[in-house]
Amino acid sequence: MTLEAELPDLESDETEKTPRGRKGRRRRSRWITVPLTVFLALLAIAVLTPLAVGGRVWHQARQDERPRSDAIIVLGAAQYNGVPSPTLKWRLQHALDLWRAGVAPTIVTVGGKAPGDNFTEADSGRRWLIEKGRVPAAQVVAVPVGRDTLESFRAVGREYERRNWKSGVIVTDPWHGLRSKRMAEDNGIEAAASPTRSGPSVQTRDTQLNYIVRETGGYLSYVLLGKSVKTPRETIKVIHGDPSQAPAPPPATP
């Protein structure tokens, strides 16, 4: 006599368990994959965005744009009791060269004054252009407003609107060109940039790198937050008098 016994259907059990196991693994993998993907995407944005902006700052710094325009806009820098600092003189001289080349019929000097100053950056620059550069007074317009770039361009934009001007060539340091153009355009000015090639911002490669990093942060701060970073130390008034003259040493003690 033959005994027959039913064996458990192992194949059917496997087919039931396998899909459930796969679903469980899929759920677990999604909980890992999705946050990891989001994190990597945010990390890529955080790294690549400053690099891209820094590249744009560097590229703009190498351009010298001189289209025929309504005015040449000289951004302010330090002045010492009415005398432009070396940084401001370099900008004024470059603006004077552009004016003599016929880039624009008018030069606009920009910049307010620090607490305790008797003169504004704009008025000091205007006086220098008239007295030293022999530019007719009617062709130099001072906009004595602003302790940062954004505040100054808001004032310049109002002056442009009042005079029905449209275009301008901005004179500033090379690394400041991209941010300045963006702020000018946001205030109704069709802007180009012709930077100076002298001054503290272009002295060494380390200095240039520091300015590129700073301007990258400044550009992102403006675009994302609408804020303007403070003016770098080289372009603000930190002492009264001529910085080229060192203070006299104290008398020697016996």
Protein backbone atom coordinates (compact mmCIF):
# COMPACT_ATOMS: atom_id res chain seq x y z
CA MET A 1 0.00 0.00 0.00
CA THR A 2 1.32 3.41 -0.98
CA LEU A 3 1.02 6.38 1.35
CA GLU A 4 0.72 9.78 -0.17
CA ALA A 5 1.26 12.91 1.79
CA GLU A 6 0.71 16.41 0.61
CA LEU A 7 3.81 18.51 0.77
CA PRO A 8 3.46 22.23 1.45
CA ASP A 9 3.39 24.32 -1.65
CA LEU A 10 6.73 26.04 -1.22
CA GLU A 11 6.53 27.71 -4.58
CA SER A 12 3.26 29.44 -3.77
CA ASP A 13 4.64 30.67 -0.44
CA GLU A 14 7.70 32.10 -2.17
CA THR A 15 5.57 33.91 -4.70
CA GLU A 16 3.55 35.46 -1.91
CA LYS A 17 6.53 36.53 0.17
CA THR A 18 8.75 37.87 -2.58
CA PRO A 19 6.57 40.81 -3.72
CA ARG A 20 5.98 41.88 -0.14
CA GLY A 21 9.71 41.82 0.55
CA ARG A 22 10.41 43.85 -2.53
CA LYS A 23 7.79 46.41 -1.57
CA GLY A 24 9.34 46.73 1.86
CA ARG A 25 12.77 47.21 0.39
CA ARG A 26 11.40 49.78 -2.05
CA ARG A 27 9.77 51.75 0.75
CA ARG A 28 13.01 51.74 2.73
CA SER A 29 15.06 52.72 -0.31
CA ARG A 30 12.72 55.63 -1.05
CA TRP A 31 13.08 56.95 2.48
CA ILE A 32 16.84 57.02 1.88
CA THR A 33 16.98 58.00 -1.79
CA VAL A 34 14.61 60.96 -1.75
CA PRO A 35 16.22 62.88 1.16
CA LEU A 36 19.68 62.04 -0.18
CA THR A 37 18.75 63.35 -3.63
CA VAL A 38 17.35 66.55 -2.14
CA PHE A 39 20.44 67.01 0.01
CA LEU A 40 22.79 66.50 -2.93
CA ALA A 41 20.77 68.89 -5.08
CA LEU A 42 20.90 71.60 -2.40
CA LEU A 43 24.60 70.98 -1.90
CA ALA A 44 25.20 71.33 -5.64
CA ILE A 45 23.26 74.60 -5.71
CA ALA A 46 25.13 75.91 -2.68
CA VAL A 47 28.50 75.10 -4.28
CA LEU A 48 27.87 75.80 -7.95
CA THR A 49 25.94 79.07 -7.58
CA PRO A 50 28.79 81.02 -5.89
CA LEU A 51 31.26 79.52 -8.36
CA ALA A 52 29.11 80.63 -11.29
CA VAL A 53 28.65 84.13 -9.86
CA GLY A 54 32.37 84.38 -9.08
CA GLY A 55 33.07 83.48 -12.70
CA ARG A 56 30.73 86.25 -13.85
CA VAL A 57 32.43 88.75 -11.51
CA TRP A 58 35.82 87.77 -12.95
CA HIS A 59 34.57 87.94 -16.54
CA GLN A 60 32.93 91.35 -16.11
CA ALA A 61 36.08 92.71 -14.47
CA ARG A 62 38.00 91.97 -17.67
CA GLN A 63 35.58 93.91 -19.88
CA ASP A 64 35.98 97.55 -20.89
CA GLU A 65 32.63 98.70 -22.25
CA ARG A 66 32.53 102.14 -23.84
CA PRO A 67 29.28 102.62 -25.77
CA ARG A 68 28.07 106.14 -26.58
CA SER A 69 25.99 107.06 -23.55
CA ASP A 70 24.17 109.91 -21.88
CA ALA A 71 26.65 110.12 -19.02
CA ILE A 72 29.72 108.62 -17.36
CA ILE A 73 28.94 107.63 -13.77
CA VAL A 74 31.85 107.79 -11.31
CA LEU A 75 31.10 105.83 -8.16
CA GLY A 76 32.30 107.44 -4.96
CA ALA A 77 35.32 106.61 -2.85
CA ALA A 78 36.99 108.29 0.10
CA GLN A 79 37.79 112.01 0.13
CA TYR A 80 39.87 113.85 2.69
CA ASN A 81 38.62 117.34 3.50
CA GLY A 82 37.59 117.89 -0.11
CA VAL A 83 40.62 116.18 -1.67
CA PRO A 84 39.89 112.89 -3.49
CA SER A 85 41.72 109.86 -2.15
CA PRO A 86 44.03 107.96 -4.53
CA THR A 87 41.24 105.45 -5.23
CA LEU A 88 38.82 108.23 -6.16
CA LYS A 89 41.47 110.03 -8.23
CA TRP A 90 42.05 106.90 -10.33
CA ARG A 91 38.33 106.70 -11.01
CA LEU A 92 38.07 110.40 -11.84
CA GLN A 93 41.06 110.22 -14.18
CA HIS A 94 39.55 107.26 -16.01
CA ALA A 95 36.22 109.07 -16.32
CA LEU A 96 38.08 112.10 -17.65
CA ASP A 97 39.78 109.94 -20.29
CA LEU A 98 36.41 108.53 -21.35
CA TRP A 99 34.92 112.02 -21.54
CA ARG A 100 37.83 113.26 -23.67
CA ALA A 101 37.32 110.24 -25.94
CA GLY A 102 33.72 111.33 -26.53
CA VAL A 103 32.04 108.41 -24.74
CA ALA A 104 29.50 110.77 -23.11
CA PRO A 105 28.97 114.53 -22.90
CA THR A 106 28.44 114.56 -19.13
CA ILE A 107 30.14 113.09 -16.07
CA VAL A 108 28.10 112.24 -12.97
CA THR A 109 29.98 112.06 -9.67
CA VAL A 110 28.33 110.06 -6.92
CA GLY A 111 28.64 109.65 -3.16
CA GLY A 112 27.65 111.17 0.16
CA LYS A 113 29.76 111.87 3.22
CA ALA A 114 30.61 110.19 6.48
CA PRO A 115 29.60 111.73 9.81
CA GLY A 116 31.87 114.67 10.60
CA ASP A 117 32.92 115.28 7.00
CA ASN A 118 32.66 118.76 5.51
CA PHE A 119 32.57 117.56 1.90
CA THR A 120 30.79 114.83 0.00
CA GLU A 121 32.52 112.37 -2.32
CA ALA A 122 30.41 113.65 -5.23
CA ASP A 123 31.28 117.32 -4.66
CA SER A 124 34.97 116.54 -4.16
CA GLY A 125 35.01 114.60 -7.42
CA ARG A 126 33.16 117.33 -9.28
CA ARG A 127 35.58 119.98 -8.09
CA TRP A 128 38.56 117.86 -9.16
CA LEU A 129 37.15 117.32 -12.66
CA ILE A 130 36.47 121.04 -13.11
CA GLU A 131 39.70 122.36 -11.62
CA LYS A 132 42.19 119.63 -12.56
CA GLY A 133 40.50 118.07 -15.57
CA ARG A 134 39.27 121.34 -17.10
CA VAL A 135 35.80 119.90 -17.70
CA PRO A 136 33.16 122.65 -18.09
CA ALA A 137 31.10 122.95 -14.92
CA ALA A 138 27.86 122.50 -16.86
CA GLN A 139 29.02 119.05 -17.93
CA VAL A 140 29.69 117.68 -14.45
CA VAL A 141 26.70 116.71 -12.30
CA ALA A 142 27.14 115.83 -8.63
CA VAL A 143 24.74 113.42 -6.90
CA PRO A 144 25.90 113.76 -3.27
CA VAL A 145 23.85 110.87 -1.91
CA GLY A 146 24.73 107.41 -0.69
CA ARG A 147 27.07 105.59 1.66
CA ASP A 148 26.72 102.35 -0.31
CA THR A 149 26.29 101.44 -3.97
CA LEU A 150 22.57 100.71 -3.83
CA GLU A 151 21.67 103.97 -2.12
CA SER A 152 23.78 105.89 -4.64
CA PHE A 153 22.19 104.24 -7.65
CA ARG A 154 18.72 104.93 -6.36
CA ALA A 155 19.65 108.61 -6.28
CA VAL A 156 21.32 108.45 -9.70
CA GLY A 157 18.23 106.72 -11.10
CA ARG A 158 16.06 109.61 -9.91
CA GLU A 159 18.47 112.09 -11.52
CA TYR A 160 18.35 110.14 -14.76
CA GLU A 161 14.57 110.18 -14.72
CA ARG A 162 14.52 113.91 -14.07
CA ARG A 163 16.86 114.58 -16.99
CA ASN A 164 15.26 111.98 -19.26
CA TRP A 165 18.56 110.10 -19.62
CA LYS A 166 18.72 106.41 -20.44
CA SER A 167 22.29 105.10 -20.66
CA GLY A 168 25.47 105.33 -18.62
CA VAL A 169 29.03 104.00 -18.43
CA ILE A 170 29.99 103.14 -14.85
CA VAL A 171 33.52 103.82 -13.63
CA THR A 172 34.51 101.81 -10.58
CA ASP A 173 36.95 99.07 -9.54
CA PRO A 174 37.01 96.00 -11.85
CA TRP A 175 35.43 93.55 -9.41
CA HIS A 176 32.60 95.93 -8.62
CA GLY A 177 31.39 96.07 -12.22
CA LEU A 178 28.86 93.21 -12.22
CA ARG A 179 27.03 94.30 -9.07
CA SER A 180 27.08 97.96 -10.11
CA LYS A 181 25.59 97.19 -13.51
CA ARG A 182 22.81 95.12 -11.94
CA MET A 183 21.91 97.86 -9.48
CA ALA A 184 22.01 100.52 -12.20
CA GLU A 185 19.75 98.47 -14.47
CA ASP A 186 17.31 97.89 -11.62
CA ASN A 187 17.07 101.68 -11.29
CA GLY A 188 16.26 102.31 -14.92
CA ILE A 189 19.75 102.86 -16.37
CA GLU A 190 21.03 101.04 -19.46
CA ALA A 191 24.43 100.35 -17.95
CA ALA A 192 27.89 99.48 -19.21
CA ALA A 193 31.08 99.29 -17.15
CA SER A 194 34.56 100.64 -17.86
CA PRO A 195 36.67 99.88 -14.77
CA THR A 196 39.89 101.43 -13.61
CA ARG A 197 43.03 99.32 -13.83
CA SER A 198 44.83 100.86 -10.85
CA GLY A 199 44.18 100.89 -7.14
CA PRO A 200 44.18 98.60 -4.10
CA SER A 201 41.74 96.10 -5.61
CA VAL A 202 44.14 95.09 -8.40
CA GLN A 203 47.51 95.20 -6.67
CA THR A 204 48.15 91.49 -6.05
CA ARG A 205 46.53 88.18 -6.94
CA ASP A 206 45.61 87.63 -3.30
CA THR A 207 43.90 91.02 -3.21
CA GLN A 208 42.06 90.26 -6.43
CA LEU A 209 40.86 86.91 -5.09
CA ASN A 210 39.63 88.56 -1.88
CA TYR A 211 37.68 91.12 -3.90
CA ILE A 212 36.17 88.45 -6.15
CA VAL A 213 34.99 86.50 -3.09
CA ARG A 214 33.62 89.67 -1.50
CA GLU A 215 31.82 90.78 -4.64
CA THR A 216 30.38 87.30 -5.16
CA GLY A 217 28.82 87.54 -1.71
CA GLY A 218 27.73 91.12 -2.35
CA TYR A 219 26.04 90.22 -5.62
CA LEU A 220 24.19 87.27 -4.08
CA SER A 221 23.19 89.40 -1.09
CA TYR A 222 21.66 91.97 -3.43
CA VAL A 223 19.94 89.51 -5.78
CA LEU A 224 18.55 87.26 -3.04
CA LEU A 225 17.95 89.73 -0.21
CA GLY A 226 17.90 93.15 -1.87
CA LYS A 227 20.69 94.37 0.38
CA SER A 228 23.95 96.16 -0.37
CA VAL A 229 27.11 95.16 1.47
CA LYS A 230 29.20 97.82 3.13
CA THR A 231 31.83 99.67 1.16
CA PRO A 232 35.30 98.08 1.45
CA ARG A 233 37.74 99.69 3.84
CA GLU A 234 39.87 101.15 1.03
CA THR A 235 36.99 103.34 -0.12
CA ILE A 236 35.66 104.80 3.12
CA LYS A 237 36.93 107.66 5.20
CA VAL A 238 38.74 106.30 8.23
CA ILE A 239 40.82 109.32 9.20
CA HIS A 240 40.76 113.06 8.62
CA GLY A 241 43.47 114.49 6.40
CA ASP A 242 45.60 113.06 3.63
CA PRO A 243 46.31 109.32 4.11
CA SER A 244 49.62 109.66 2.31
CA GLN A 245 50.92 111.77 5.15
CA ALA A 246 51.80 109.68 8.15
CA PRO A 247 51.26 111.26 11.57
CA ALA A 248 54.34 112.68 13.24
CA PRO A 249 55.99 110.28 15.69
CA PRO A 250 55.65 111.07 19.38
CA PRO A 251 58.60 112.89 20.96
CA ALA A 252 61.29 110.60 22.34
CA THR A 253 61.34 110.29 26.08
CA PRO A 254 64.71 110.94 27.77
